[in-house]
């Protein structure tokens, strides 16, 4: 898989994806910092990125309009980079076990100290 990390998340997530054998890029490294969400979507879809963000509200709406996409990962809590890396690693482990997420979303949240992964279709069936 090929991931694109949103600017609201730490650049160190790129190395986490690499550790799992995935290609990964960060918005900041592609010169896309400050681009509006709707301006990012054509590139995300065209280049077949699985997008990783903390911006659930905007990207759920944008992805719901796409007929076909490579998946969306939403790291719900705004946490320090170390915990971002841990939550992203859990997501990557889920992809090993549950397969790719074409037209799906994985949301990672916290309930106390427990990470909760929720996986669903978007757009819906």
PDB file of N, CA and C in Angstrom:
ATOM      1  N   UNK A   1       0.831  -1.183   0.000  1.00  0.00           N
ATOM      2  CA  UNK A   1       0.000   0.000   0.000  1.00  0.00           C
ATOM      3  C   UNK A   1       0.875   1.245   0.000  1.00  0.00           C
ATOM      4  N   UNK A   2       0.267   2.340  -0.376  1.00  0.00           N
ATOM      5  CA  UNK A   2       0.972   3.612  -0.441  1.00  0.00           C
ATOM      6  C   UNK A   2       0.186   4.626   0.390  1.00  0.00           C
ATOM      7  N   UNK A   3       0.823   5.143   1.429  1.00  0.00           N
ATOM      8  CA  UNK A   3       0.163   6.052   2.358  1.00  0.00           C
ATOM      9  C   UNK A   3       0.600   7.493   2.141  1.00  0.00           C
ATOM     10  N   UNK A   4      -0.316   8.409   2.428  1.00  0.00           N
ATOM     11  CA  UNK A   4      -0.020   9.833   2.482  1.00  0.00           C
ATOM     12  C   UNK A   4      -0.481  10.333   3.843  1.00  0.00           C
ATOM     13  N   UNK A   5       0.444  10.932   4.589  1.00  0.00           N
ATOM     14  CA  UNK A   5       0.167  11.418   5.941  1.00  0.00           C
ATOM     15  C   UNK A   5      -0.179  12.897   5.875  1.00  0.00           C
ATOM     16  N   UNK A   6      -1.288  13.265   6.504  1.00  0.00           N
ATOM     17  CA  UNK A   6      -1.752  14.648   6.539  1.00  0.00           C
ATOM     18  C   UNK A   6      -0.828  15.491   7.414  1.00  0.00           C
ATOM     19  N   UNK A   7      -0.838  16.793   7.170  1.00  0.00           N
ATOM     20  CA  UNK A   7       0.041  17.694   7.916  1.00  0.00           C
ATOM     21  C   UNK A   7      -0.336  17.809   9.388  1.00  0.00           C
ATOM     22  N   UNK A   8      -1.539  17.384   9.777  1.00  0.00           N
ATOM     23  CA  UNK A   8      -1.944  17.435  11.178  1.00  0.00           C
ATOM     24  C   UNK A   8      -1.324  16.303  11.995  1.00  0.00           C
ATOM     25  N   UNK A   9      -0.629  15.378  11.330  1.00  0.00           N
ATOM     26  CA  UNK A   9       0.036  14.264  12.001  1.00  0.00           C
ATOM     27  C   UNK A   9       1.549  14.376  11.803  1.00  0.00           C
ATOM     28  N   UNK A  10       2.291  13.752  12.688  1.00  0.00           N
ATOM     29  CA  UNK A  10       3.740  13.875  12.723  1.00  0.00           C
ATOM     30  C   UNK A  10       4.407  13.162  11.545  1.00  0.00           C
ATOM     31  N   UNK A  11       5.501  13.729  11.072  1.00  0.00           N
ATOM     32  CA  UNK A  11       6.244  13.148   9.955  1.00  0.00           C
ATOM     33  C   UNK A  11       6.823  11.767  10.280  1.00  0.00           C
ATOM     34  N   UNK A  12       6.993  11.456  11.554  1.00  0.00           N
ATOM     35  CA  UNK A  12       7.576  10.164  11.938  1.00  0.00           C
ATOM     36  C   UNK A  12       6.674   8.977  11.601  1.00  0.00           C
ATOM     37  N   UNK A  13       5.422   9.219  11.246  1.00  0.00           N
ATOM     38  CA  UNK A  13       4.544   8.126  10.831  1.00  0.00           C
ATOM     39  C   UNK A  13       5.011   7.500   9.524  1.00  0.00           C
ATOM     40  N   UNK A  14       5.745   8.257   8.731  1.00  0.00           N
ATOM     41  CA  UNK A  14       6.283   7.737   7.473  1.00  0.00           C
ATOM     42  C   UNK A  14       7.195   6.544   7.755  1.00  0.00           C
ATOM     43  N   UNK A  15       8.054   6.648   8.756  1.00  0.00           N
ATOM     44  CA  UNK A  15       8.971   5.556   9.101  1.00  0.00           C
ATOM     45  C   UNK A  15       8.216   4.338   9.613  1.00  0.00           C
ATOM     46  N   UNK A  16       7.126   4.563  10.319  1.00  0.00           N
ATOM     47  CA  UNK A  16       6.315   3.438  10.823  1.00  0.00           C
ATOM     48  C   UNK A  16       5.785   2.627   9.638  1.00  0.00           C
ATOM     49  N   UNK A  17       5.243   3.302   8.642  1.00  0.00           N
ATOM     50  CA  UNK A  17       4.746   2.602   7.455  1.00  0.00           C
ATOM     51  C   UNK A  17       5.876   1.860   6.758  1.00  0.00           C
ATOM     52  N   UNK A  18       7.034   2.499   6.675  1.00  0.00           N
ATOM     53  CA  UNK A  18       8.192   1.857   6.066  1.00  0.00           C
ATOM     54  C   UNK A  18       8.604   0.585   6.787  1.00  0.00           C
ATOM     55  N   UNK A  19       8.497   0.598   8.110  1.00  0.00           N
ATOM     56  CA  UNK A  19       8.822  -0.592   8.904  1.00  0.00           C
ATOM     57  C   UNK A  19       7.916  -1.767   8.561  1.00  0.00           C
ATOM     58  N   UNK A  20       6.717  -1.471   8.062  1.00  0.00           N
ATOM     59  CA  UNK A  20       5.758  -2.516   7.675  1.00  0.00           C
ATOM     60  C   UNK A  20       5.822  -2.806   6.177  1.00  0.00           C
ATOM     61  N   UNK A  21       6.799  -2.202   5.487  1.00  0.00           N
ATOM     62  CA  UNK A  21       6.996  -2.490   4.079  1.00  0.00           C
ATOM     63  C   UNK A  21       6.158  -1.665   3.122  1.00  0.00           C
ATOM     64  N   UNK A  22       5.592  -0.565   3.596  1.00  0.00           N
ATOM     65  CA  UNK A  22       4.740   0.271   2.750  1.00  0.00           C
ATOM     66  C   UNK A  22       5.480   1.528   2.308  1.00  0.00           C
ATOM     67  N   UNK A  23       5.123   2.020   1.132  1.00  0.00           N
ATOM     68  CA  UNK A  23       5.576   3.337   0.703  1.00  0.00           C
ATOM     69  C   UNK A  23       4.752   4.372   1.450  1.00  0.00           C
ATOM     70  N   UNK A  24       5.371   5.467   1.817  1.00  0.00           N
ATOM     71  CA  UNK A  24       4.655   6.478   2.588  1.00  0.00           C
ATOM     72  C   UNK A  24       5.295   7.840   2.356  1.00  0.00           C
ATOM     73  N   UNK A  25       4.439   8.847   2.299  1.00  0.00           N
ATOM     74  CA  UNK A  25       4.868  10.222   2.090  1.00  0.00           C
ATOM     75  C   UNK A  25       4.127  11.120   3.068  1.00  0.00           C
ATOM     76  N   UNK A  26       4.684  12.275   3.326  1.00  0.00           N
ATOM     77  CA  UNK A  26       4.034  13.259   4.196  1.00  0.00           C
ATOM     78  C   UNK A  26       3.698  14.483   3.360  1.00  0.00           C
ATOM     79  N   UNK A  27       2.541  15.043   3.612  1.00  0.00           N
ATOM     80  CA  UNK A  27       2.073  16.245   2.898  1.00  0.00           C
ATOM     81  C   UNK A  27       3.176  17.301   2.831  1.00  0.00           C
ATOM     82  N   UNK A  28       3.851  17.531   3.954  1.00  0.00           N
ATOM     83  CA  UNK A  28       4.886  18.575   4.004  1.00  0.00           C
ATOM     84  C   UNK A  28       6.012  18.312   3.015  1.00  0.00           C
ATOM     85  N   UNK A  29       6.342  17.051   2.785  1.00  0.00           N
ATOM     86  CA  UNK A  29       7.459  16.700   1.915  1.00  0.00           C
ATOM     87  C   UNK A  29       7.097  16.787   0.439  1.00  0.00           C
ATOM     88  N   UNK A  30       5.805  16.823   0.146  1.00  0.00           N
ATOM     89  CA  UNK A  30       5.364  16.904  -1.250  1.00  0.00           C
ATOM     90  C   UNK A  30       5.006  18.335  -1.654  1.00  0.00           C
ATOM     91  N   UNK A  31       5.290  19.284  -0.760  1.00  0.00           N
ATOM     92  CA  UNK A  31       4.986  20.675  -1.062  1.00  0.00           C
ATOM     93  C   UNK A  31       3.510  20.995  -1.026  1.00  0.00           C
ATOM     94  N   UNK A  32       2.736  20.217  -0.269  1.00  0.00           N
ATOM     95  CA  UNK A  32       1.285  20.394  -0.232  1.00  0.00           C
ATOM     96  C   UNK A  32       0.796  21.023   1.071  1.00  0.00           C
ATOM     97  N   UNK A  33       1.690  21.482   1.907  1.00  0.00           N
ATOM     98  CA  UNK A  33       1.297  22.112   3.172  1.00  0.00           C
ATOM     99  C   UNK A  33       0.378  23.289   2.889  1.00  0.00           C
ATOM    100  N   UNK A  34      -0.686  23.378   3.655  1.00  0.00           N
ATOM    101  CA  UNK A  34      -1.608  24.494   3.535  1.00  0.00           C
ATOM    102  C   UNK A  34      -2.660  24.327   2.450  1.00  0.00           C
ATOM    103  N   UNK A  35      -2.590  23.260   1.651  1.00  0.00           N
ATOM    104  CA  UNK A  35      -3.613  23.022   0.639  1.00  0.00           C
ATOM    105  C   UNK A  35      -4.942  22.719   1.320  1.00  0.00           C
ATOM    106  N   UNK A  36      -6.021  23.155   0.715  1.00  0.00           N
ATOM    107  CA  UNK A  36      -7.332  22.841   1.278  1.00  0.00           C
ATOM    108  C   UNK A  36      -7.603  21.350   1.104  1.00  0.00           C
ATOM    109  N   UNK A  37      -8.462  20.828   1.961  1.00  0.00           N
ATOM    110  CA  UNK A  37      -8.782  19.403   1.908  1.00  0.00           C
ATOM    111  C   UNK A  37      -9.337  19.015   0.543  1.00  0.00           C
ATOM    112  N   UNK A  38     -10.247  19.814   0.010  1.00  0.00           N
ATOM    113  CA  UNK A  38     -10.860  19.475  -1.278  1.00  0.00           C
ATOM    114  C   UNK A  38      -9.856  19.582  -2.428  1.00  0.00           C
ATOM    115  N   UNK A  39      -8.815  20.400  -2.266  1.00  0.00           N
ATOM    116  CA  UNK A  39      -7.773  20.452  -3.297  1.00  0.00           C
ATOM    117  C   UNK A  39      -6.828  19.249  -3.204  1.00  0.00           C
ATOM    118  N   UNK A  40      -6.724  18.651  -2.023  1.00  0.00           N
ATOM    119  CA  UNK A  40      -5.887  17.457  -1.863  1.00  0.00           C
ATOM    120  C   UNK A  40      -6.550  16.206  -2.444  1.00  0.00           C
ATOM    121  N   UNK A  41      -7.869  16.132  -2.385  1.00  0.00           N
ATOM    122  CA  UNK A  41      -8.576  14.904  -2.773  1.00  0.00           C
ATOM    123  C   UNK A  41      -8.253  14.408  -4.180  1.00  0.00           C
ATOM    124  N   UNK A  42      -8.221  15.258  -5.203  1.00  0.00           N
ATOM    125  CA  UNK A  42      -7.907  14.726  -6.536  1.00  0.00           C
ATOM    126  C   UNK A  42      -6.540  14.028  -6.582  1.00  0.00           C
ATOM    127  N   UNK A  43      -5.555  14.589  -5.909  1.00  0.00           N
ATOM    128  CA  UNK A  43      -4.217  13.968  -5.902  1.00  0.00           C
ATOM    129  C   UNK A  43      -4.232  12.668  -5.112  1.00  0.00           C
ATOM    130  N   UNK A  44      -4.931  12.660  -3.979  1.00  0.00           N
ATOM    131  CA  UNK A  44      -5.032  11.443  -3.164  1.00  0.00           C
ATOM    132  C   UNK A  44      -5.620  10.308  -3.995  1.00  0.00           C
ATOM    133  N   UNK A  45      -6.710  10.600  -4.686  1.00  0.00           N
ATOM    134  CA  UNK A  45      -7.392   9.568  -5.475  1.00  0.00           C
ATOM    135  C   UNK A  45      -6.580   9.196  -6.711  1.00  0.00           C
ATOM    136  N   UNK A  46      -6.078  10.191  -7.416  1.00  0.00           N
ATOM    137  CA  UNK A  46      -5.328   9.951  -8.654  1.00  0.00           C
ATOM    138  C   UNK A  46      -4.081   9.113  -8.413  1.00  0.00           C
ATOM    139  N   UNK A  47      -3.393   9.366  -7.300  1.00  0.00           N
ATOM    140  CA  UNK A  47      -2.150   8.645  -7.020  1.00  0.00           C
ATOM    141  C   UNK A  47      -2.364   7.415  -6.141  1.00  0.00           C
ATOM    142  N   UNK A  48      -3.635   7.078  -5.894  1.00  0.00           N
ATOM    143  CA  UNK A  48      -3.994   5.844  -5.183  1.00  0.00           C
ATOM    144  C   UNK A  48      -3.391   5.775  -3.781  1.00  0.00           C
ATOM    145  N   UNK A  49      -3.416   6.915  -3.081  1.00  0.00           N
ATOM    146  CA  UNK A  49      -2.934   6.967  -1.703  1.00  0.00           C
ATOM    147  C   UNK A  49      -4.011   6.481  -0.741  1.00  0.00           C
ATOM    148  N   UNK A  50      -3.597   5.789   0.293  1.00  0.00           N
ATOM    149  CA  UNK A  50      -4.427   5.604   1.477  1.00  0.00           C
ATOM    150  C   UNK A  50      -4.062   6.771   2.382  1.00  0.00           C
ATOM    151  N   UNK A  51      -5.033   7.622   2.658  1.00  0.00           N
ATOM    152  CA  UNK A  51      -4.769   8.872   3.370  1.00  0.00           C
ATOM    153  C   UNK A  51      -4.903   8.657   4.867  1.00  0.00           C
ATOM    154  N   UNK A  52      -3.977   9.241   5.630  1.00  0.00           N
ATOM    155  CA  UNK A  52      -3.961   9.129   7.089  1.00  0.00           C
ATOM    156  C   UNK A  52      -4.088  10.538   7.651  1.00  0.00           C
ATOM    157  N   UNK A  53      -5.124  10.761   8.474  1.00  0.00           N
ATOM    158  CA  UNK A  53      -5.410  12.104   8.959  1.00  0.00           C
ATOM    159  C   UNK A  53      -6.000  12.067  10.360  1.00  0.00           C
ATOM    160  N   UNK A  54      -6.104  13.245  10.933  1.00  0.00           N
ATOM    161  CA  UNK A  54      -6.802  13.441  12.199  1.00  0.00           C
ATOM    162  C   UNK A  54      -8.095  14.220  11.952  1.00  0.00           C
ATOM    163  N   UNK A  55      -8.274  14.685  10.725  1.00  0.00           N
ATOM    164  CA  UNK A  55      -9.393  15.532  10.344  1.00  0.00           C
ATOM    165  C   UNK A  55     -10.568  14.669   9.890  1.00  0.00           C
ATOM    166  N   UNK A  56     -11.245  14.067  10.839  1.00  0.00           N
ATOM    167  CA  UNK A  56     -12.312  13.115  10.537  1.00  0.00           C
ATOM    168  C   UNK A  56     -13.481  13.757   9.817  1.00  0.00           C
ATOM    169  N   UNK A  57     -13.957  14.864  10.314  1.00  0.00           N
ATOM    170  CA  UNK A  57     -15.187  15.461   9.788  1.00  0.00           C
ATOM    171  C   UNK A  57     -15.063  15.796   8.300  1.00  0.00           C
ATOM    172  N   UNK A  58     -14.026  16.512   7.933  1.00  0.00           N
ATOM    173  CA  UNK A  58     -13.882  16.934   6.537  1.00  0.00           C
ATOM    174  C   UNK A  58     -13.627  15.759   5.602  1.00  0.00           C
ATOM    175  N   UNK A  59     -12.750  14.855   5.989  1.00  0.00           N
ATOM    176  CA  UNK A  59     -12.393  13.784   5.064  1.00  0.00           C
ATOM    177  C   UNK A  59     -13.455  12.697   4.977  1.00  0.00           C
ATOM    178  N   UNK A  60     -14.260  12.481   6.003  1.00  0.00           N
ATOM    179  CA  UNK A  60     -15.398  11.571   5.860  1.00  0.00           C
ATOM    180  C   UNK A  60     -16.320  12.088   4.759  1.00  0.00           C
ATOM    181  N   UNK A  61     -16.603  13.387   4.764  1.00  0.00           N
ATOM    182  CA  UNK A  61     -17.478  13.988   3.751  1.00  0.00           C
ATOM    183  C   UNK A  61     -16.871  13.871   2.359  1.00  0.00           C
ATOM    184  N   UNK A  62     -15.584  14.157   2.233  1.00  0.00           N
ATOM    185  CA  UNK A  62     -14.928  14.097   0.927  1.00  0.00           C
ATOM    186  C   UNK A  62     -14.869  12.666   0.394  1.00  0.00           C
ATOM    187  N   UNK A  63     -14.546  11.726   1.250  1.00  0.00           N
ATOM    188  CA  UNK A  63     -14.449  10.326   0.819  1.00  0.00           C
ATOM    189  C   UNK A  63     -15.813   9.745   0.489  1.00  0.00           C
ATOM    190  N   UNK A  64     -16.853  10.210   1.127  1.00  0.00           N
ATOM    191  CA  UNK A  64     -18.204   9.722   0.837  1.00  0.00           C
ATOM    192  C   UNK A  64     -18.615  10.041  -0.595  1.00  0.00           C
ATOM    193  N   UNK A  65     -17.986  11.032  -1.211  1.00  0.00           N
ATOM    194  CA  UNK A  65     -18.306  11.429  -2.584  1.00  0.00           C
ATOM    195  C   UNK A  65     -17.511  10.640  -3.625  1.00  0.00           C
ATOM    196  N   UNK A  66     -16.521   9.877  -3.178  1.00  0.00           N
ATOM    197  CA  UNK A  66     -15.663   9.142  -4.106  1.00  0.00           C
ATOM    198  C   UNK A  66     -16.224   7.752  -4.368  1.00  0.00           C
ATOM    199  N   UNK A  67     -16.347   7.418  -5.643  1.00  0.00           N
ATOM    200  CA  UNK A  67     -16.851   6.097  -6.017  1.00  0.00           C
ATOM    201  C   UNK A  67     -15.855   4.990  -5.696  1.00  0.00           C
ATOM    202  N   UNK A  68     -14.550   5.311  -5.866  1.00  0.00           N
ATOM    203  CA  UNK A  68     -13.503   4.334  -5.607  1.00  0.00           C
ATOM    204  C   UNK A  68     -12.303   5.051  -5.001  1.00  0.00           C
ATOM    205  N   UNK A  69     -11.791   4.525  -3.892  1.00  0.00           N
ATOM    206  CA  UNK A  69     -10.611   5.103  -3.244  1.00  0.00           C
ATOM    207  C   UNK A  69      -9.820   4.011  -2.545  1.00  0.00           C
ATOM    208  N   UNK A  70      -8.563   4.328  -2.235  1.00  0.00           N
ATOM    209  CA  UNK A  70      -7.640   3.352  -1.647  1.00  0.00           C
ATOM    210  C   UNK A  70      -7.733   3.283  -0.127  1.00  0.00           C
ATOM    211  N   UNK A  71      -8.689   3.970   0.462  1.00  0.00           N
ATOM    212  CA  UNK A  71      -8.899   3.867   1.897  1.00  0.00           C
ATOM    213  C   UNK A  71      -8.498   5.123   2.649  1.00  0.00           C
ATOM    214  N   UNK A  72      -9.038   5.219   3.840  1.00  0.00           N
ATOM    215  CA  UNK A  72      -8.824   6.363   4.726  1.00  0.00           C
ATOM    216  C   UNK A  72      -8.553   5.836   6.122  1.00  0.00           C
ATOM    217  N   UNK A  73      -7.524   6.370   6.760  1.00  0.00           N
ATOM    218  CA  UNK A  73      -7.215   6.049   8.157  1.00  0.00           C
ATOM    219  C   UNK A  73      -7.369   7.338   8.940  1.00  0.00           C
ATOM    220  N   UNK A  74      -8.188   7.279   9.986  1.00  0.00           N
ATOM    221  CA  UNK A  74      -8.404   8.445  10.835  1.00  0.00           C
ATOM    222  C   UNK A  74      -7.909   8.117  12.235  1.00  0.00           C
ATOM    223  N   UNK A  75      -6.881   8.832  12.659  1.00  0.00           N
ATOM    224  CA  UNK A  75      -6.394   8.715  14.035  1.00  0.00           C
ATOM    225  C   UNK A  75      -7.134   9.792  14.816  1.00  0.00           C
ATOM    226  N   UNK A  76      -8.167   9.366  15.529  1.00  0.00           N
ATOM    227  CA  UNK A  76      -9.136  10.290  16.120  1.00  0.00           C
ATOM    228  C   UNK A  76      -8.531  11.209  17.186  1.00  0.00           C
ATOM    229  N   UNK A  77      -7.873  10.657  18.200  1.00  0.00           N
ATOM    230  CA  UNK A  77      -7.428  11.570  19.257  1.00  0.00           C
ATOM    231  C   UNK A  77      -6.236  12.420  18.804  1.00  0.00           C
ATOM    232  N   UNK A  78      -6.197  13.634  19.274  1.00  0.00           N
ATOM    233  CA  UNK A  78      -5.022  14.473  19.052  1.00  0.00           C
ATOM    234  C   UNK A  78      -4.042  14.167  20.177  1.00  0.00           C
ATOM    235  N   UNK A  79      -2.998  13.417  19.812  1.00  0.00           N
ATOM    236  CA  UNK A  79      -2.051  12.930  20.813  1.00  0.00           C
ATOM    237  C   UNK A  79      -0.628  13.242  20.361  1.00  0.00           C
ATOM    238  N   UNK A  80       0.296  13.060  21.265  1.00  0.00           N
ATOM    239  CA  UNK A  80       1.709  13.290  20.979  1.00  0.00           C
ATOM    240  C   UNK A  80       2.224  12.295  19.926  1.00  0.00           C
ATOM    241  N   UNK A  81       3.301  12.653  19.228  1.00  0.00           N
ATOM    242  CA  UNK A  81       3.818  11.795  18.152  1.00  0.00           C
ATOM    243  C   UNK A  81       4.069  10.340  18.551  1.00  0.00           C
ATOM    244  N   UNK A  82       4.580  10.095  19.748  1.00  0.00           N
ATOM    245  CA  UNK A  82       4.838   8.706  20.155  1.00  0.00           C
ATOM    246  C   UNK A  82       3.565   7.872  20.128  1.00  0.00           C
ATOM    247  N   UNK A  83       2.479   8.418  20.651  1.00  0.00           N
ATOM    248  CA  UNK A  83       1.210   7.688  20.647  1.00  0.00           C
ATOM    249  C   UNK A  83       0.625   7.627  19.236  1.00  0.00           C
ATOM    250  N   UNK A  84       0.823   8.648  18.430  1.00  0.00           N
ATOM    251  CA  UNK A  84       0.401   8.589  17.022  1.00  0.00           C
ATOM    252  C   UNK A  84       1.062   7.389  16.340  1.00  0.00           C
ATOM    253  N   UNK A  85       2.356   7.218  16.570  1.00  0.00           N
ATOM    254  CA  UNK A  85       3.082   6.106  15.959  1.00  0.00           C
ATOM    255  C   UNK A  85       2.523   4.766  16.429  1.00  0.00           C
ATOM    256  N   UNK A  86       2.236   4.651  17.706  1.00  0.00           N
ATOM    257  CA  UNK A  86       1.693   3.404  18.239  1.00  0.00           C
ATOM    258  C   UNK A  86       0.322   3.093  17.629  1.00  0.00           C
ATOM    259  N   UNK A  87      -0.526   4.112  17.526  1.00  0.00           N
ATOM    260  CA  UNK A  87      -1.868   3.901  16.965  1.00  0.00           C
ATOM    261  C   UNK A  87      -1.798   3.567  15.478  1.00  0.00           C
ATOM    262  N   UNK A  88      -0.895   4.205  14.766  1.00  0.00           N
ATOM    263  CA  UNK A  88      -0.731   3.899  13.348  1.00  0.00           C
ATOM    264  C   UNK A  88      -0.193   2.474  13.171  1.00  0.00           C
ATOM    265  N   UNK A  89       0.727   2.065  14.020  1.00  0.00           N
ATOM    266  CA  UNK A  89       1.252   0.693  13.951  1.00  0.00           C
ATOM    267  C   UNK A  89       0.132  -0.325  14.185  1.00  0.00           C
ATOM    268  N   UNK A  90      -0.766  -0.045  15.100  1.00  0.00           N
ATOM    269  CA  UNK A  90      -1.919  -0.939  15.314  1.00  0.00           C
ATOM    270  C   UNK A  90      -2.778  -1.032  14.050  1.00  0.00           C
ATOM    271  N   UNK A  91      -2.939   0.088  13.390  1.00  0.00           N
ATOM    272  CA  UNK A  91      -3.702   0.105  12.145  1.00  0.00           C
ATOM    273  C   UNK A  91      -3.014  -0.734  11.077  1.00  0.00           C
ATOM    274  N   UNK A  92      -1.715  -0.593  10.958  1.00  0.00           N
ATOM    275  CA  UNK A  92      -0.975  -1.370   9.970  1.00  0.00           C
ATOM    276  C   UNK A  92      -1.042  -2.864  10.282  1.00  0.00           C
ATOM    277  N   UNK A  93      -1.056  -3.209  11.553  1.00  0.00           N
ATOM    278  CA  UNK A  93      -1.216  -4.610  11.951  1.00  0.00           C
ATOM    279  C   UNK A  93      -2.597  -5.120  11.535  1.00  0.00           C
ATOM    280  N   UNK A  94      -3.615  -4.280  11.683  1.00  0.00           N
ATOM    281  CA  UNK A  94      -4.973  -4.636  11.252  1.00  0.00           C
ATOM    282  C   UNK A  94      -5.000  -4.910   9.753  1.00  0.00           C
ATOM    283  N   UNK A  95      -4.240  -4.152   8.989  1.00  0.00           N
ATOM    284  CA  UNK A  95      -4.208  -4.359   7.540  1.00  0.00           C
ATOM    285  C   UNK A  95      -3.547  -5.679   7.172  1.00  0.00           C
ATOM    286  N   UNK A  96      -2.586  -6.114   7.977  1.00  0.00           N
ATOM    287  CA  UNK A  96      -1.968  -7.427   7.752  1.00  0.00           C
ATOM    288  C   UNK A  96      -3.005  -8.517   7.979  1.00  0.00           C
ATOM    289  N   UNK A  97      -3.777  -8.367   9.030  1.00  0.00           N
ATOM    290  CA  UNK A  97      -4.751  -9.389   9.405  1.00  0.00           C
ATOM    291  C   UNK A  97      -6.042  -9.308   8.587  1.00  0.00           C
ATOM    292  N   UNK A  98      -6.498  -8.083   8.312  1.00  0.00           N
ATOM    293  CA  UNK A  98      -7.803  -7.910   7.676  1.00  0.00           C
ATOM    294  C   UNK A  98      -7.773  -7.506   6.217  1.00  0.00           C
ATOM    295  N   UNK A  99      -6.604  -7.337   5.642  1.00  0.00           N
ATOM    296  CA  UNK A  99      -6.501  -6.991   4.229  1.00  0.00           C
ATOM    297  C   UNK A  99      -6.624  -5.505   3.960  1.00  0.00           C
ATOM    298  N   UNK A 100      -6.471  -5.153   2.698  1.00  0.00           N
ATOM    299  CA  UNK A 100      -6.497  -3.755   2.279  1.00  0.00           C
ATOM    300  C   UNK A 100      -7.869  -3.124   2.537  1.00  0.00           C
ATOM    301  N   UNK A 101      -7.893  -1.811   2.467  1.00  0.00           N
ATOM    302  CA  UNK A 101      -9.119  -1.089   2.826  1.00  0.00           C
ATOM    303  C   UNK A 101      -9.688  -0.283   1.656  1.00  0.00           C
ATOM    304  N   UNK A 102      -9.740  -0.877   0.480  1.00  0.00           N
ATOM    305  CA  UNK A 102     -10.339  -0.196  -0.660  1.00  0.00           C
ATOM    306  C   UNK A 102     -11.784   0.149  -0.308  1.00  0.00           C
ATOM    307  N   UNK A 103     -12.120   1.430  -0.470  1.00  0.00           N
ATOM    308  CA  UNK A 103     -13.454   1.958  -0.147  1.00  0.00           C
ATOM    309  C   UNK A 103     -13.849   1.724   1.312  1.00  0.00           C
ATOM    310  N   UNK A 104     -12.859   1.705   2.193  1.00  0.00           N
ATOM    311  CA  UNK A 104     -13.124   1.547   3.619  1.00  0.00           C
ATOM    312  C   UNK A 104     -12.357   2.590   4.414  1.00  0.00           C
ATOM    313  N   UNK A 105     -12.786   2.712   5.668  1.00  0.00           N
ATOM    314  CA  UNK A 105     -12.152   3.604   6.628  1.00  0.00           C
ATOM    315  C   UNK A 105     -11.787   2.789   7.850  1.00  0.00           C
ATOM    316  N   UNK A 106     -10.631   3.078   8.415  1.00  0.00           N
ATOM    317  CA  UNK A 106     -10.292   2.575   9.747  1.00  0.00           C
ATOM    318  C   UNK A 106     -10.122   3.795  10.627  1.00  0.00           C
ATOM    319  N   UNK A 107     -10.951   3.856  11.669  1.00  0.00           N
ATOM    320  CA  UNK A 107     -10.822   4.921  12.662  1.00  0.00           C
ATOM    321  C   UNK A 107     -10.199   4.325  13.908  1.00  0.00           C
ATOM    322  N   UNK A 108      -9.197   5.014  14.424  1.00  0.00           N
ATOM    323  CA  UNK A 108      -8.518   4.576  15.633  1.00  0.00           C
ATOM    324  C   UNK A 108      -8.827   5.596  16.717  1.00  0.00           C
ATOM    325  N   UNK A 109      -9.394   5.120  17.818  1.00  0.00           N
ATOM    326  CA  UNK A 109      -9.709   6.005  18.937  1.00  0.00           C
ATOM    327  C   UNK A 109      -9.180   5.380  20.221  1.00  0.00           C
ATOM    328  N   UNK A 110      -9.292   6.124  21.291  1.00  0.00           N
ATOM    329  CA  UNK A 110      -8.863   5.635  22.597  1.00  0.00           C
ATOM    330  C   UNK A 110     -10.045   5.621  23.550  1.00  0.00           C
ATOM    331  N   UNK A 111     -10.133   4.553  24.326  1.00  0.00           N
ATOM    332  CA  UNK A 111     -11.080   4.456  25.430  1.00  0.00           C
ATOM    333  C   UNK A 111     -10.245   4.181  26.664  1.00  0.00           C
ATOM    334  N   UNK A 112      -9.900   5.260  27.361  1.00  0.00           N
ATOM    335  CA  UNK A 112      -8.929   5.140  28.452  1.00  0.00           C
ATOM    336  C   UNK A 112      -7.576   4.830  27.848  1.00  0.00           C
ATOM    337  N   UNK A 113      -6.984   3.702  28.239  1.00  0.00           N
ATOM    338  CA  UNK A 113      -5.694   3.282  27.698  1.00  0.00           C
ATOM    339  C   UNK A 113      -5.844   2.284  26.554  1.00  0.00           C
ATOM    340  N   UNK A 114      -7.073   1.947  26.188  1.00  0.00           N
ATOM    341  CA  UNK A 114      -7.313   0.927  25.170  1.00  0.00           C
ATOM    342  C   UNK A 114      -7.578   1.569  23.811  1.00  0.00           C
ATOM    343  N   UNK A 115      -6.869   1.092  22.802  1.00  0.00           N
ATOM    344  CA  UNK A 115      -7.094   1.548  21.433  1.00  0.00           C
ATOM    345  C   UNK A 115      -8.258   0.774  20.827  1.00  0.00           C
ATOM    346  N   UNK A 116      -9.147   1.495  20.170  1.00  0.00           N
ATOM    347  CA  UNK A 116     -10.311   0.900  19.520  1.00  0.00           C
ATOM    348  C   UNK A 116     -10.205   1.171  18.025  1.00  0.00           C
ATOM    349  N   UNK A 117     -10.208   0.122  17.215  1.00  0.00           N
ATOM    350  CA  UNK A 117     -10.190   0.248  15.769  1.00  0.00           C
ATOM    351  C   UNK A 117     -11.581  -0.059  15.242  1.00  0.00           C
ATOM    352  N   UNK A 118     -12.131   0.866  14.486  1.00  0.00           N
ATOM    353  CA  UNK A 118     -13.443   0.689  13.878  1.00  0.00           C
ATOM    354  C   UNK A 118     -13.265   0.757  12.371  1.00  0.00           C
ATOM    355  N   UNK A 119     -13.776  -0.259  11.697  1.00  0.00           N
ATOM    356  CA  UNK A 119     -13.604  -0.366  10.244  1.00  0.00           C
ATOM    357  C   UNK A 119     -14.979  -0.374   9.592  1.00  0.00           C
ATOM    358  N   UNK A 120     -15.158   0.477   8.554  1.00  0.00           N
ATOM    359  CA  UNK A 120     -16.453   0.540   7.871  1.00  0.00           C
ATOM    360  C   UNK A 120     -16.276   0.978   6.429  1.00  0.00           C
ATOM    361  N   UNK A 121     -17.300   0.735   5.613  1.00  0.00           N
ATOM    362  CA  UNK A 121     -17.286   1.118   4.204  1.00  0.00           C
ATOM    363  C   UNK A 121     -17.626   2.583   4.047  1.00  0.00           C
ATOM    364  N   UNK A 122     -16.982   3.217   3.064  1.00  0.00           N
ATOM    365  CA  UNK A 122     -17.300   4.597   2.725  1.00  0.00           C
ATOM    366  C   UNK A 122     -16.894   4.814   1.273  1.00  0.00           C
ATOM    367  N   UNK A 123     -17.779   5.104   0.369  1.00  0.00           N
ATOM    368  CA  UNK A 123     -19.206   5.302   0.638  1.00  0.00           C
ATOM    369  C   UNK A 123     -19.855   3.986   1.053  1.00  0.00           C
ATOM    370  N   UNK A 124     -20.990   4.127   1.722  1.00  0.00           N
ATOM    371  CA  UNK A 124     -21.686   2.967   2.273  1.00  0.00           C
ATOM    372  C   UNK A 124     -22.183   2.028   1.178  1.00  0.00           C
ATOM    373  N   UNK A 125     -22.488   0.809   1.580  1.00  0.00           N
ATOM    374  CA  UNK A 125     -22.964  -0.214   0.627  1.00  0.00           C
ATOM    375  C   UNK A 125     -24.350   0.109   0.125  1.00  0.00           C
TER     376      UNK A 125
END
